[in-house]
Amino acid sequence: MSLSPRYRALVYASLVASFLVVVWGGVVRITGSGLGCPDWPLCHGQFLPSLDPATRIEWFHRFLAIAGGVTVAAVVLWSLVAYRADRRILTLAIIAAILYPLQAVLGGITVVLELPPEWVTVHLANAELLLATLTILAVVVRWPKVNRTQSAGWTWLAVAAAVGTFVLLLSGAYVRGANATMACLSWPLCGAVAELGAPAIAMLHRYVAAGVGVVVVLACIEAWRHRRDAPGLGPLAIVTGAIFIVQVAIGAANPLTGFAPWALAAHPAAASLLWCSVVGLAAVAWRPASRQGALVRDLISLTKPAIMSLLLLTALGGMFLAERGVPPFGLLAATLIGGAAASGGAASLNHYFDRDIDERMRRTRKRPLPAHRISTSVAIWWGIALNAIAFVVLAVFTNLLAAALAIGGTVFYILVYTIWLKRSTAQNIVIGGAAGAIPPLVGWAAITGSLDLAAWLLFAIIFFWTPAHFWALALLIRDDYERAGIPMLPVVRGDEATAWNILAYAASLLPLTLLLFIIGGLGYLYLAAAIILGALFIGYAFRLLRSGAVRRRAMARAVYLYSLLYLALLFVAIMVDSTLRL
């Protein structure tokens, strides 16, 4: 597939724009202008406030973020419309579409909570992940077709360099958040007793930098040695090595110049540039056909990461609503880690029990188990291990109720839905969908230790959303389900009956979401989102019902895709409304 030069230019422009946002964010931190606009999304209650120095710096940061967001949105839309057949471009576009609005939400939380170091670090981490996504996309559009050999053991060094650089970025952000930037007045050692407090934090960052630096240098050397394996590998090795040397020099210049403003600002900017370069190097060097890479991808595939991300978003919605604002950082991190492990473990076990069905369906026959890329025992133990991790993390760092709900969701999903209902009744997804409605209960329980009526309303919203979503998918792949002997509604009762049921369940969501506004203490922003999103869902479902046999498949795809957007935006609205009301 040939790529438009204008599309390539847009991808490069979005990368540059996002990089400038991150760089200017460093200027905001260095100048102490993070609260130059103490509210969000406006600034001093206005779009164009009075421009004192701190406000000018922070307002320009937000302006750059909006401009960068426009370019990212354009890339995502163009990718979905023109290049969705390319799985690499489609995947990267979807990731960017998730990370950018999440970045805006994290920015709002950081401002509302008055710049706590944990949230500042998470905000930066998400920005760097967005940069990495756009960097990989730039590599893909620059070298769309690359013939690579399978002997790729050294590429793990490039991946390790990228992971290490990310950890180094986060440690640097924590140093700034902990006010330890100027704790060491000499270089390379601290020049003071760095055993406790700020000097220890600053010195730990230098130790991390030294270790990561060794890995980066080795990766550059190996990339240069294998520069003929893939186009761009040699130049990226040189550029990455040069940026690393510059970054070390800037890091040394900070204490040696008495932390001059230019050195303070240049250090995080060069770090982000190094991050982009290392990620680009890893993307070019990576061998999709390598044995190790295939195993990692298959293990990740077993966790169904796309479904996991949506489930985690609903868990976040439950946490924000229960907290009536932004949850404590530790609880939030533990719930996300435990929830991700529980979701991934349940998905892996589902792969095992559905392996015979997956072999007969075109949509799923290339999954790891039906394709015989990994053994059934790996899938079983991977699923059990992830659920064990989930239970321990949630029980230790949140509470036993949240842990029990997460494991209960896995048990229900496997025993009730996968093994029993999926193969025996057309109402399989109606009852079995309760498993997918557990995450907001987990999020709520992690905050309160109990389950209130508002939590059960969140459960009900997902419970009634699930049939409309999955029946739209079933209309798209009806032949697959029929071939596999799965009694999905379109197979048993036909397309028109399925369309009527989708409309009924879509219509039921509107009163449920309005009831959440009344009982859950949410504001008018959520109310507006619930009404608009619900009306659009009903409209899509009605168009599906009215569509003829020729257009039904296209409308089913539209309903399926919109249902995903509906649930994501509804729970983002819950999070944003809870944050703004705080």
Protein backbone atom coordinates (compact mmCIF):
# COMPACT_ATOMS: atom_id res chain seq x y z
CA MET A 1 0.00 0.00 0.00
CA SER A 2 1.49 3.34 -1.07
CA LEU A 3 1.31 6.18 1.43
CA SER A 4 0.44 9.74 0.49
CA PRO A 5 3.35 12.21 0.84
CA ARG A 6 0.92 14.58 2.55
CA TYR A 7 0.02 11.90 5.06
CA ARG A 8 3.70 11.34 5.80
CA ALA A 9 4.19 15.09 6.24
CA LEU A 10 1.22 15.23 8.63
CA VAL A 11 2.67 12.39 10.73
CA TYR A 12 6.02 14.20 10.96
CA ALA A 13 4.26 17.47 11.82
CA SER A 14 2.25 15.82 14.62
CA LEU A 15 5.47 14.36 16.05
CA VAL A 16 7.20 17.77 16.01
CA ALA A 17 4.14 19.48 17.51
CA SER A 18 3.87 16.93 20.32
CA PHE A 19 7.60 17.23 20.99
CA LEU A 20 7.25 21.01 21.33
CA VAL A 21 4.43 20.50 23.84
CA VAL A 22 6.69 18.31 25.98
CA VAL A 23 9.62 20.74 25.67
CA TRP A 24 7.49 23.72 26.66
CA GLY A 25 6.11 21.69 29.55
CA GLY A 26 9.71 21.57 30.79
CA VAL A 27 9.86 25.36 30.54
CA VAL A 28 6.65 25.54 32.59
CA ARG A 29 8.20 23.38 35.32
CA ILE A 30 11.54 25.19 35.33
CA THR A 31 9.92 28.63 35.62
CA GLY A 32 7.43 27.48 38.25
CA SER A 33 4.50 28.48 36.03
CA GLY A 34 2.48 25.30 36.46
CA LEU A 35 -0.22 27.19 38.36
CA GLY A 36 -0.04 30.26 36.11
CA CYS A 37 -3.49 29.07 35.10
CA PRO A 38 -4.87 27.71 38.39
CA ASP A 39 -8.06 26.32 36.85
CA TRP A 40 -8.87 24.01 33.94
CA PRO A 41 -9.76 23.97 31.06
CA LEU A 42 -9.98 27.79 31.17
CA CYS A 43 -7.31 30.10 32.60
CA HIS A 44 -8.45 32.36 35.44
CA GLY A 45 -11.98 31.63 34.24
CA GLN A 46 -11.26 33.02 30.76
CA PHE A 47 -10.04 31.74 27.43
CA LEU A 48 -7.70 34.76 27.03
CA PRO A 49 -6.76 35.99 30.52
CA SER A 50 -4.56 38.88 31.55
CA LEU A 51 -1.05 37.88 30.56
CA ASP A 52 1.37 38.14 33.48
CA PRO A 53 4.61 36.15 32.89
CA ALA A 54 3.56 32.90 34.62
CA THR A 55 0.15 32.96 32.93
CA ARG A 56 1.71 33.62 29.53
CA ILE A 57 4.00 30.60 29.89
CA GLU A 58 1.28 28.22 31.05
CA TRP A 59 -1.31 29.56 28.57
CA PHE A 60 1.14 29.08 25.68
CA HIS A 61 1.70 25.51 26.86
CA ARG A 62 -2.02 24.86 26.63
CA PHE A 63 -2.15 26.54 23.22
CA LEU A 64 0.62 24.27 21.96
CA ALA A 65 -1.26 21.27 23.40
CA ILE A 66 -4.40 22.25 21.48
CA ALA A 67 -2.44 22.75 18.26
CA GLY A 68 -0.66 19.42 18.76
CA GLY A 69 -4.00 17.77 19.47
CA VAL A 70 -5.40 19.02 16.16
CA THR A 71 -2.50 17.43 14.26
CA VAL A 72 -2.82 14.17 16.22
CA ALA A 73 -6.59 14.09 15.55
CA ALA A 74 -5.95 14.68 11.85
CA VAL A 75 -3.44 11.81 11.76
CA VAL A 76 -5.87 9.50 13.55
CA LEU A 77 -8.78 10.32 11.23
CA TRP A 78 -6.68 10.03 8.07
CA SER A 79 -5.26 6.71 9.29
CA LEU A 80 -8.71 5.30 10.06
CA VAL A 81 -10.20 6.45 6.77
CA ALA A 82 -7.39 5.67 4.33
CA TYR A 83 -4.98 3.18 5.93
CA ARG A 84 -7.01 1.05 8.35
CA ALA A 85 -6.07 -2.04 6.30
CA ASP A 86 -2.49 -1.66 7.59
CA ARG A 87 -2.60 -3.17 11.08
CA ARG A 88 0.50 -1.29 12.22
CA ILE A 89 -0.88 2.11 11.24
CA LEU A 90 -4.33 1.28 12.59
CA THR A 91 -2.95 0.11 15.95
CA LEU A 92 -0.73 3.16 16.37
CA ALA A 93 -3.57 5.50 15.38
CA ILE A 94 -5.87 3.94 17.99
CA ILE A 95 -3.18 4.22 20.68
CA ALA A 96 -2.66 7.91 19.82
CA ALA A 97 -6.43 8.45 19.91
CA ILE A 98 -6.45 7.09 23.48
CA LEU A 99 -3.31 8.80 24.78
CA TYR A 100 -4.05 12.35 23.63
CA PRO A 101 -7.42 12.84 25.40
CA LEU A 102 -5.96 11.01 28.40
CA GLN A 103 -3.16 13.58 28.38
CA ALA A 104 -5.71 16.39 28.56
CA VAL A 105 -7.50 14.72 31.48
CA LEU A 106 -4.21 14.16 33.33
CA GLY A 107 -3.28 17.79 32.74
CA GLY A 108 -6.56 18.91 34.28
CA ILE A 109 -6.09 16.62 37.29
CA THR A 110 -2.53 17.86 37.80
CA VAL A 111 -3.67 21.50 37.84
CA VAL A 112 -6.74 20.92 40.02
CA LEU A 113 -4.63 19.05 42.60
CA GLU A 114 -2.00 21.84 42.49
CA LEU A 115 0.89 19.88 40.95
CA PRO A 116 1.48 16.87 43.23
CA PRO A 117 4.75 15.18 42.13
CA GLU A 118 3.10 11.80 41.50
CA TRP A 119 0.55 13.27 39.07
CA VAL A 120 3.18 15.50 37.43
CA THR A 121 5.21 12.34 36.77
CA VAL A 122 2.21 10.45 35.36
CA HIS A 123 1.34 13.44 33.17
CA LEU A 124 4.88 13.47 31.76
CA ALA A 125 4.89 9.67 31.33
CA ASN A 126 1.73 9.79 29.23
CA ALA A 127 3.18 12.62 27.12
CA GLU A 128 6.32 10.60 26.47
CA LEU A 129 4.25 7.53 25.53
CA LEU A 130 2.36 9.67 23.01
CA LEU A 131 5.70 10.86 21.64
CA ALA A 132 6.86 7.24 21.36
CA THR A 133 3.68 6.25 19.51
CA LEU A 134 4.10 9.06 16.99
CA THR A 135 7.80 8.24 16.62
CA ILE A 136 7.03 4.62 15.76
CA LEU A 137 4.34 5.78 13.34
CA ALA A 138 6.89 8.09 11.70
CA VAL A 139 9.25 5.13 11.31
CA VAL A 140 6.47 3.00 9.80
CA VAL A 141 5.49 5.63 7.22
CA ARG A 142 9.15 6.41 6.42
CA TRP A 143 10.08 2.75 5.85
CA PRO A 144 6.75 0.94 5.27
CA LYS A 145 8.34 -2.18 3.79
CA VAL A 146 11.52 -3.53 5.28
CA ASN A 147 12.92 -7.01 4.62
CA ARG A 148 14.43 -8.24 7.84
CA THR A 149 16.32 -11.36 8.78
CA GLN A 150 15.20 -13.55 11.67
CA SER A 151 18.50 -13.60 13.58
CA ALA A 152 17.68 -10.64 15.74
CA GLY A 153 18.98 -11.33 19.24
CA TRP A 154 20.69 -7.96 19.54
CA THR A 155 17.45 -6.04 18.96
CA TRP A 156 16.48 -6.80 22.55
CA LEU A 157 19.33 -4.46 23.47
CA ALA A 158 17.63 -1.64 21.53
CA VAL A 159 14.32 -2.39 23.26
CA ALA A 160 16.07 -2.46 26.66
CA ALA A 161 17.63 0.93 25.85
CA ALA A 162 14.16 2.34 25.11
CA VAL A 163 12.69 0.93 28.33
CA GLY A 164 15.66 2.19 30.33
CA THR A 165 15.39 5.66 28.83
CA PHE A 166 11.71 5.80 29.79
CA VAL A 167 12.56 4.85 33.37
CA LEU A 168 15.28 7.51 33.34
CA LEU A 169 12.75 10.13 32.18
CA LEU A 170 10.39 9.23 35.00
CA SER A 171 13.17 9.32 37.59
CA GLY A 172 14.15 12.78 36.33
CA ALA A 173 10.54 13.93 36.64
CA TYR A 174 10.43 12.63 40.20
CA VAL A 175 13.66 14.48 41.03
CA ARG A 176 12.03 17.72 39.88
CA GLY A 177 8.77 16.94 41.68
CA ALA A 178 10.64 16.21 44.91
CA ASN A 179 12.55 19.53 44.62
CA ALA A 180 15.84 17.63 44.47
CA THR A 181 17.11 19.19 41.24
CA MET A 182 19.68 21.39 42.98
CA ALA A 183 20.51 18.99 45.80
CA CYS A 184 23.87 17.97 44.30
CA LEU A 185 26.21 20.86 43.59
CA SER A 186 28.99 18.92 41.85
CA TRP A 187 29.34 16.29 39.13
CA PRO A 188 29.54 13.32 38.65
CA LEU A 189 29.34 12.68 42.40
CA CYS A 190 27.14 14.63 44.71
CA GLY A 191 29.74 16.49 46.71
CA ALA A 192 27.67 15.91 49.84
CA VAL A 193 26.58 13.00 51.98
CA ALA A 194 23.93 11.54 49.67
CA GLU A 195 22.39 9.07 52.09
CA LEU A 196 19.02 10.60 52.83
CA GLY A 197 16.63 13.17 51.50
CA ALA A 198 17.03 15.22 48.34
CA PRO A 199 20.74 14.42 47.71
CA ALA A 200 19.96 10.69 47.76
CA ILE A 201 17.12 11.17 45.25
CA ALA A 202 19.33 13.21 42.93
CA MET A 203 22.22 10.75 43.19
CA LEU A 204 19.91 7.79 42.51
CA HIS A 205 18.89 9.50 39.26
CA ARG A 206 22.57 9.72 38.28
CA TYR A 207 23.09 6.03 39.02
CA VAL A 208 20.09 5.19 36.84
CA ALA A 209 21.48 7.45 34.11
CA ALA A 210 24.84 5.66 34.24
CA GLY A 211 23.26 2.22 33.94
CA VAL A 212 20.91 3.25 31.15
CA GLY A 213 23.78 5.04 29.41
CA VAL A 214 25.76 1.80 29.17
CA VAL A 215 22.77 0.05 27.56
CA VAL A 216 22.18 2.94 25.12
CA VAL A 217 25.83 3.00 24.04
CA LEU A 218 25.88 -0.78 23.53
CA ALA A 219 22.64 -0.57 21.52
CA CYS A 220 24.13 2.14 19.30
CA ILE A 221 27.27 0.05 18.72
CA GLU A 222 25.25 -3.04 17.80
CA ALA A 223 22.94 -0.99 15.56
CA TRP A 224 25.96 0.38 13.70
CA ARG A 225 27.40 -3.11 13.29
CA HIS A 226 24.07 -4.29 11.81
CA ARG A 227 23.38 -1.11 9.85
CA ARG A 228 22.91 -3.05 6.61
CA ASP A 229 20.08 -5.11 8.10
CA ALA A 230 17.51 -2.34 7.77
CA PRO A 231 17.44 1.14 6.19
CA GLY A 232 17.91 3.95 8.67
CA LEU A 233 19.64 1.82 11.28
CA GLY A 234 23.10 3.35 10.79
CA PRO A 235 22.02 7.03 10.84
CA LEU A 236 19.78 6.44 13.86
CA ALA A 237 22.68 4.79 15.71
CA ILE A 238 24.87 7.85 15.11
CA VAL A 239 22.12 10.34 15.99
CA THR A 240 21.17 8.47 19.17
CA GLY A 241 24.80 8.28 20.31
CA ALA A 242 25.32 11.98 19.61
CA ILE A 243 22.17 13.02 21.49
CA PHE A 244 23.21 10.86 24.44
CA ILE A 245 26.62 12.59 24.60
CA VAL A 246 24.93 16.00 24.45
CA GLN A 247 22.51 14.98 27.18
CA VAL A 248 25.36 13.89 29.46
CA ALA A 249 27.11 17.23 28.83
CA ILE A 250 23.95 19.18 29.65
CA GLY A 251 23.43 17.12 32.80
CA ALA A 252 26.97 17.94 33.91
CA ALA A 253 26.49 21.61 32.98
CA ASN A 254 23.61 21.98 35.43
CA PRO A 255 25.62 21.79 38.69
CA LEU A 256 28.82 23.13 37.08
CA THR A 257 27.04 26.35 35.96
CA GLY A 258 25.16 26.75 39.20
CA PHE A 259 21.99 25.46 37.54
CA ALA A 260 21.80 28.15 34.90
CA PRO A 261 18.27 28.56 33.43
CA TRP A 262 19.38 27.42 29.96
CA ALA A 263 20.83 24.20 31.37
CA LEU A 264 17.75 23.51 33.48
CA ALA A 265 15.47 23.94 30.45
CA ALA A 266 17.74 22.07 28.00
CA HIS A 267 18.10 18.95 30.17
CA PRO A 268 14.46 17.68 29.96
CA ALA A 269 14.23 18.79 26.32
CA ALA A 270 17.31 16.77 25.36
CA ALA A 271 15.99 13.85 27.40
CA SER A 272 12.77 13.82 25.35
CA LEU A 273 14.78 14.07 22.13
CA LEU A 274 16.91 11.11 23.26
CA TRP A 275 13.73 9.19 24.05
CA CYS A 276 12.36 9.75 20.54
CA SER A 277 15.67 8.73 19.00
CA VAL A 278 16.02 5.54 21.08
CA VAL A 279 12.41 4.57 20.35
CA GLY A 280 13.02 5.16 16.64
CA LEU A 281 16.15 3.01 16.80
CA ALA A 282 14.25 0.20 18.55
CA ALA A 283 11.39 0.42 16.04
CA VAL A 284 13.73 0.13 13.07
CA ALA A 285 15.76 -2.66 14.68
CA TRP A 286 12.82 -4.72 15.90
CA ARG A 287 12.31 -8.04 14.11
CA PRO A 288 8.64 -9.02 14.10
CA ALA A 289 9.61 -12.53 13.03
CA SER A 290 12.07 -13.12 15.84
CA ARG A 291 11.29 -15.99 18.17
CA GLN A 292 11.48 -13.92 21.35
CA GLY A 293 9.43 -11.10 19.87
CA ALA A 294 6.75 -13.53 18.70
CA LEU A 295 6.45 -15.03 22.20
CA VAL A 296 6.10 -11.61 23.83
CA ARG A 297 3.49 -10.53 21.28
CA ASP A 298 1.54 -13.75 21.78
CA LEU A 299 1.54 -13.42 25.56
CA ILE A 300 0.30 -9.85 25.21
CA SER A 301 -2.28 -10.97 22.65
CA LEU A 302 -3.63 -13.55 25.10
CA THR A 303 -4.56 -10.69 27.48
CA LYS A 304 -6.72 -8.96 24.83
CA PRO A 305 -5.20 -5.52 25.51
CA ALA A 306 -7.85 -3.58 23.55
CA ILE A 307 -10.64 -4.99 25.71
CA MET A 308 -8.48 -4.53 28.81
CA SER A 309 -8.03 -0.80 28.12
CA LEU A 310 -11.80 -0.25 27.95
CA LEU A 311 -12.38 -2.25 31.14
CA LEU A 312 -9.73 -0.23 32.97
CA LEU A 313 -11.37 2.98 31.81
CA THR A 314 -14.67 1.89 33.38
CA ALA A 315 -12.83 1.00 36.59
CA LEU A 316 -11.36 4.50 36.61
CA GLY A 317 -14.84 5.94 36.20
CA GLY A 318 -15.99 4.04 39.26
CA MET A 319 -13.02 5.31 41.28
CA PHE A 320 -13.49 8.96 40.30
CA LEU A 321 -17.22 8.85 41.05
CA ALA A 322 -16.70 7.12 44.41
CA GLU A 323 -14.00 9.61 45.41
CA ARG A 324 -16.06 12.57 44.14
CA GLY A 325 -12.85 13.75 42.54
CA VAL A 326 -9.37 12.44 41.86
CA PRO A 327 -8.54 9.18 43.69
CA PRO A 328 -5.36 8.89 45.79
CA PHE A 329 -2.46 8.05 43.52
CA GLY A 330 -1.45 4.84 45.31
CA LEU A 331 -4.96 3.40 45.22
CA LEU A 332 -5.35 4.37 41.58
CA ALA A 333 -2.07 2.72 40.55
CA ALA A 334 -2.83 -0.48 42.52
CA THR A 335 -6.33 -0.75 41.07
CA LEU A 336 -5.09 -0.27 37.52
CA ILE A 337 -2.31 -2.85 37.95
CA GLY A 338 -4.57 -5.36 39.67
CA GLY A 339 -7.43 -4.72 37.23
CA ALA A 340 -5.13 -5.14 34.23
CA ALA A 341 -3.80 -8.42 35.61
CA ALA A 342 -7.30 -9.76 36.33
CA SER A 343 -8.58 -8.76 32.89
CA GLY A 344 -5.54 -10.22 31.15
CA GLY A 345 -5.72 -13.45 33.15
CA ALA A 346 -9.40 -13.94 32.38
CA ALA A 347 -8.76 -13.32 28.68
CA SER A 348 -5.91 -15.85 28.60
CA LEU A 349 -8.10 -18.54 30.19
CA ASN A 350 -10.86 -17.66 27.72
CA HIS A 351 -8.41 -18.27 24.87
CA TYR A 352 -7.79 -21.76 26.26
CA PHE A 353 -11.45 -22.77 26.60
CA ASP A 354 -12.42 -21.23 23.23
CA ARG A 355 -9.52 -22.66 21.24
CA ASP A 356 -11.73 -25.14 19.35
CA ILE A 357 -14.16 -22.38 18.37
CA ASP A 358 -11.35 -20.05 17.38
CA GLU A 359 -9.98 -22.64 14.95
CA ARG A 360 -13.28 -22.61 13.00
CA MET A 361 -13.71 -18.83 12.82
CA ARG A 362 -11.89 -16.73 10.24
CA ARG A 363 -11.72 -13.81 12.66
CA THR A 364 -9.91 -15.76 15.38
CA ARG A 365 -8.04 -18.60 13.68
CA LYS A 366 -4.77 -16.64 13.76
CA ARG A 367 -4.81 -16.26 17.54
CA PRO A 368 -1.86 -17.85 19.38
CA LEU A 369 -3.61 -21.09 20.42
CA PRO A 370 -5.50 -22.04 17.21
CA ALA A 371 -2.39 -21.11 15.22
CA HIS A 372 -0.37 -23.41 17.54
CA ARG A 373 2.26 -20.74 18.26
CA ILE A 374 2.16 -21.40 22.00
CA SER A 375 1.04 -24.40 24.05
CA THR A 376 -2.22 -24.69 25.97
CA SER A 377 -0.30 -25.07 29.24
CA VAL A 378 1.34 -21.66 28.71
CA ALA A 379 -2.07 -20.04 28.25
CA ILE A 380 -3.45 -21.73 31.38
CA TRP A 381 -0.53 -20.86 33.65
CA TRP A 382 -0.27 -17.33 32.23
CA GLY A 383 -3.95 -16.78 33.07
CA ILE A 384 -3.65 -18.28 36.55
CA ALA A 385 -0.49 -16.29 37.32
CA LEU A 386 -2.05 -12.99 36.24
CA ASN A 387 -5.13 -13.60 38.38
CA ALA A 388 -2.95 -14.48 41.36
CA ILE A 389 -1.03 -11.23 40.88
CA ALA A 390 -4.32 -9.34 40.61
CA PHE A 391 -5.66 -10.76 43.85
CA VAL A 392 -2.47 -10.08 45.81
CA VAL A 393 -2.09 -6.51 44.52
CA LEU A 394 -5.73 -5.58 45.14
CA ALA A 395 -5.96 -7.32 48.52
CA VAL A 396 -2.73 -5.78 49.83
CA PHE A 397 -2.95 -2.27 48.42
CA THR A 398 -6.74 -1.67 48.23
CA ASN A 399 -9.03 -4.05 50.13
CA LEU A 400 -10.36 -7.60 50.10
CA LEU A 401 -13.72 -6.66 48.54
CA ALA A 402 -12.05 -5.20 45.45
CA ALA A 403 -9.82 -8.28 45.15
CA ALA A 404 -12.76 -10.66 45.54
CA LEU A 405 -14.80 -8.80 42.93
CA ALA A 406 -11.94 -8.94 40.42
CA ILE A 407 -11.45 -12.70 40.87
CA GLY A 408 -15.22 -13.22 40.92
CA GLY A 409 -15.42 -11.51 37.55
CA THR A 410 -12.86 -13.94 36.15
CA VAL A 411 -14.69 -16.97 37.56
CA PHE A 412 -18.04 -15.78 36.19
CA TYR A 413 -16.54 -14.98 32.78
CA ILE A 414 -14.95 -18.43 32.43
CA LEU A 415 -17.46 -20.77 34.12
CA VAL A 416 -20.77 -19.06 33.41
CA TYR A 417 -20.18 -17.33 30.06
CA THR A 418 -17.33 -19.12 28.27
CA ILE A 419 -17.98 -22.74 29.26
CA TRP A 420 -21.78 -22.71 29.73
CA LEU A 421 -23.81 -19.88 28.20
CA LYS A 422 -21.79 -19.06 25.07
CA ARG A 423 -22.41 -22.48 23.54
CA SER A 424 -25.97 -23.08 24.78
CA THR A 425 -28.24 -20.02 24.43
CA ALA A 426 -28.84 -16.96 22.26
CA GLN A 427 -29.01 -14.94 25.49
CA ASN A 428 -25.37 -15.82 26.23
CA ILE A 429 -24.06 -12.28 26.01
CA VAL A 430 -27.00 -10.82 27.98
CA ILE A 431 -26.25 -12.83 31.11
CA GLY A 432 -22.56 -13.39 30.50
CA GLY A 433 -22.04 -9.67 29.94
CA ALA A 434 -22.22 -9.20 33.71
CA ALA A 435 -18.54 -10.19 33.83
CA GLY A 436 -17.61 -7.12 31.79
CA ALA A 437 -19.61 -4.91 34.15
CA ILE A 438 -17.50 -5.85 37.20
CA PRO A 439 -14.58 -3.35 36.74
CA PRO A 440 -16.47 -0.21 37.91
CA LEU A 441 -17.51 -2.18 41.01
CA VAL A 442 -13.85 -3.00 41.61
CA GLY A 443 -12.93 0.68 41.22
CA TRP A 444 -15.72 1.79 43.56
CA ALA A 445 -14.88 -0.85 46.17
CA ALA A 446 -11.19 0.09 46.06
CA ILE A 447 -12.12 3.62 47.20
CA THR A 448 -15.00 2.99 49.62
CA GLY A 449 -14.67 -0.63 50.71
CA SER A 450 -18.38 -1.09 49.96
CA LEU A 451 -20.88 -0.97 47.07
CA ASP A 452 -23.51 1.78 46.90
CA LEU A 453 -26.44 2.32 44.55
CA ALA A 454 -24.39 4.52 42.22
CA ALA A 455 -21.87 1.69 41.82
CA TRP A 456 -24.63 -0.70 40.81
CA LEU A 457 -25.89 1.86 38.30
CA LEU A 458 -22.47 1.86 36.68
CA PHE A 459 -22.72 -1.94 36.59
CA ALA A 460 -26.19 -1.69 35.01
CA ILE A 461 -25.02 0.74 32.33
CA ILE A 462 -22.33 -1.66 31.12
CA PHE A 463 -24.65 -4.65 31.55
CA PHE A 464 -27.21 -3.09 29.17
CA TRP A 465 -24.52 -1.73 26.83
CA THR A 466 -22.92 -5.14 26.30
CA PRO A 467 -25.67 -6.86 24.23
CA ALA A 468 -26.04 -3.92 21.84
CA HIS A 469 -22.27 -3.84 21.34
CA PHE A 470 -21.72 -7.57 20.83
CA TRP A 471 -24.82 -8.15 18.71
CA ALA A 472 -23.59 -5.47 16.31
CA LEU A 473 -20.33 -7.43 16.07
CA ALA A 474 -22.31 -10.66 15.64
CA LEU A 475 -24.10 -9.16 12.64
CA LEU A 476 -20.71 -8.48 11.07
CA ILE A 477 -19.36 -12.01 11.58
CA ARG A 478 -22.59 -14.02 11.56
CA ASP A 479 -21.11 -16.58 9.17
CA ASP A 480 -18.23 -17.18 11.57
CA TYR A 481 -20.53 -17.86 14.49
CA GLU A 482 -22.72 -20.12 12.37
CA ARG A 483 -19.68 -22.09 11.20
CA ALA A 484 -18.48 -22.48 14.79
CA GLY A 485 -21.91 -23.54 16.06
CA ILE A 486 -22.30 -20.60 18.46
CA PRO A 487 -25.99 -19.64 18.97
CA MET A 488 -25.55 -15.87 18.75
CA LEU A 489 -28.79 -13.93 18.24
CA PRO A 490 -28.34 -13.24 14.49
CA VAL A 491 -27.75 -16.96 13.88
CA VAL A 492 -30.79 -18.06 15.90
CA ARG A 493 -33.36 -15.31 15.22
CA GLY A 494 -32.06 -13.43 12.19
CA ASP A 495 -30.75 -9.96 11.41
CA GLU A 496 -33.98 -7.97 11.83
CA ALA A 497 -34.77 -9.40 15.27
CA THR A 498 -31.20 -8.64 16.29
CA ALA A 499 -31.54 -5.04 15.09
CA TRP A 500 -34.72 -4.61 17.15
CA ASN A 501 -32.94 -5.93 20.24
CA ILE A 502 -29.96 -3.61 19.66
CA LEU A 503 -32.35 -0.66 19.49
CA ALA A 504 -34.09 -1.75 22.71
CA TYR A 505 -30.87 -2.05 24.66
CA ALA A 506 -29.47 1.20 23.23
CA ALA A 507 -32.67 2.98 24.25
CA SER A 508 -32.46 1.54 27.78
CA LEU A 509 -29.10 3.23 28.31
CA LEU A 510 -30.51 6.76 28.21
CA PRO A 511 -32.72 6.50 31.34
CA LEU A 512 -29.99 4.57 33.16
CA THR A 513 -27.38 7.25 32.48
CA LEU A 514 -29.85 9.98 33.49
CA LEU A 515 -30.59 8.12 36.71
CA LEU A 516 -26.86 8.10 37.43
CA PHE A 517 -26.90 11.91 37.10
CA ILE A 518 -29.66 12.10 39.72
CA ILE A 519 -28.25 9.57 42.18
CA GLY A 520 -24.53 9.82 41.56
CA GLY A 521 -24.15 13.53 42.26
CA LEU A 522 -22.75 14.35 38.84
CA GLY A 523 -22.92 17.73 37.16
CA TYR A 524 -24.25 19.22 33.95
CA LEU A 525 -21.19 18.35 31.90
CA TYR A 526 -21.91 14.66 32.47
CA LEU A 527 -25.63 15.24 31.86
CA ALA A 528 -24.97 16.85 28.49
CA ALA A 529 -22.58 14.07 27.51
CA ALA A 530 -25.02 11.33 28.57
CA ILE A 531 -27.91 12.87 26.60
CA ILE A 532 -25.90 13.52 23.43
CA LEU A 533 -24.08 10.19 23.46
CA GLY A 534 -27.27 8.27 24.26
CA ALA A 535 -29.28 10.02 21.55
CA LEU A 536 -26.57 9.26 19.00
CA PHE A 537 -26.50 5.60 20.05
CA ILE A 538 -30.28 5.35 19.59
CA GLY A 539 -29.95 7.10 16.24
CA TYR A 540 -27.30 4.64 15.04
CA ALA A 541 -29.39 1.67 16.23
CA PHE A 542 -32.50 3.05 14.48
CA ARG A 543 -30.57 3.50 11.22
CA LEU A 544 -29.40 -0.10 11.53
CA LEU A 545 -33.01 -1.24 11.89
CA ARG A 546 -34.11 0.78 8.86
CA SER A 547 -31.19 -0.30 6.68
CA GLY A 548 -31.80 -2.91 4.01
CA ALA A 549 -29.87 -6.10 3.50
CA VAL A 550 -27.35 -4.30 1.26
CA ARG A 551 -26.43 -1.62 3.81
CA ARG A 552 -26.94 -3.64 6.98
CA ARG A 553 -23.33 -4.80 7.24
CA ALA A 554 -22.01 -1.23 6.91
CA MET A 555 -24.47 0.03 9.52
CA ALA A 556 -23.64 -2.85 11.85
CA ARG A 557 -19.98 -1.84 11.65
CA ALA A 558 -20.94 1.78 12.40
CA VAL A 559 -23.00 0.72 15.45
CA TYR A 560 -20.20 -1.54 16.68
CA LEU A 561 -17.55 1.18 16.42
CA TYR A 562 -19.81 3.87 17.90
CA SER A 563 -20.68 1.64 20.85
CA LEU A 564 -17.00 1.53 21.78
CA LEU A 565 -16.75 5.30 21.50
CA TYR A 566 -19.96 5.72 23.49
CA LEU A 567 -18.77 3.78 26.52
CA ALA A 568 -15.31 5.36 26.50
CA LEU A 569 -16.62 8.93 26.26
CA LEU A 570 -19.34 8.34 28.85
CA PHE A 571 -16.82 7.21 31.46
CA VAL A 572 -14.38 9.98 30.49
CA ALA A 573 -17.27 12.40 31.10
CA ILE A 574 -17.75 10.87 34.57
CA MET A 575 -14.07 11.35 35.33
CA VAL A 576 -13.88 14.91 33.99
CA ASP A 577 -17.11 15.98 35.70
CA SER A 578 -15.96 14.54 39.03
CA THR A 579 -12.60 16.32 38.68
CA LEU A 580 -14.13 19.69 37.77
CA ARG A 581 -16.67 19.50 40.59
CA LEU A 582 -13.75 18.91 42.96
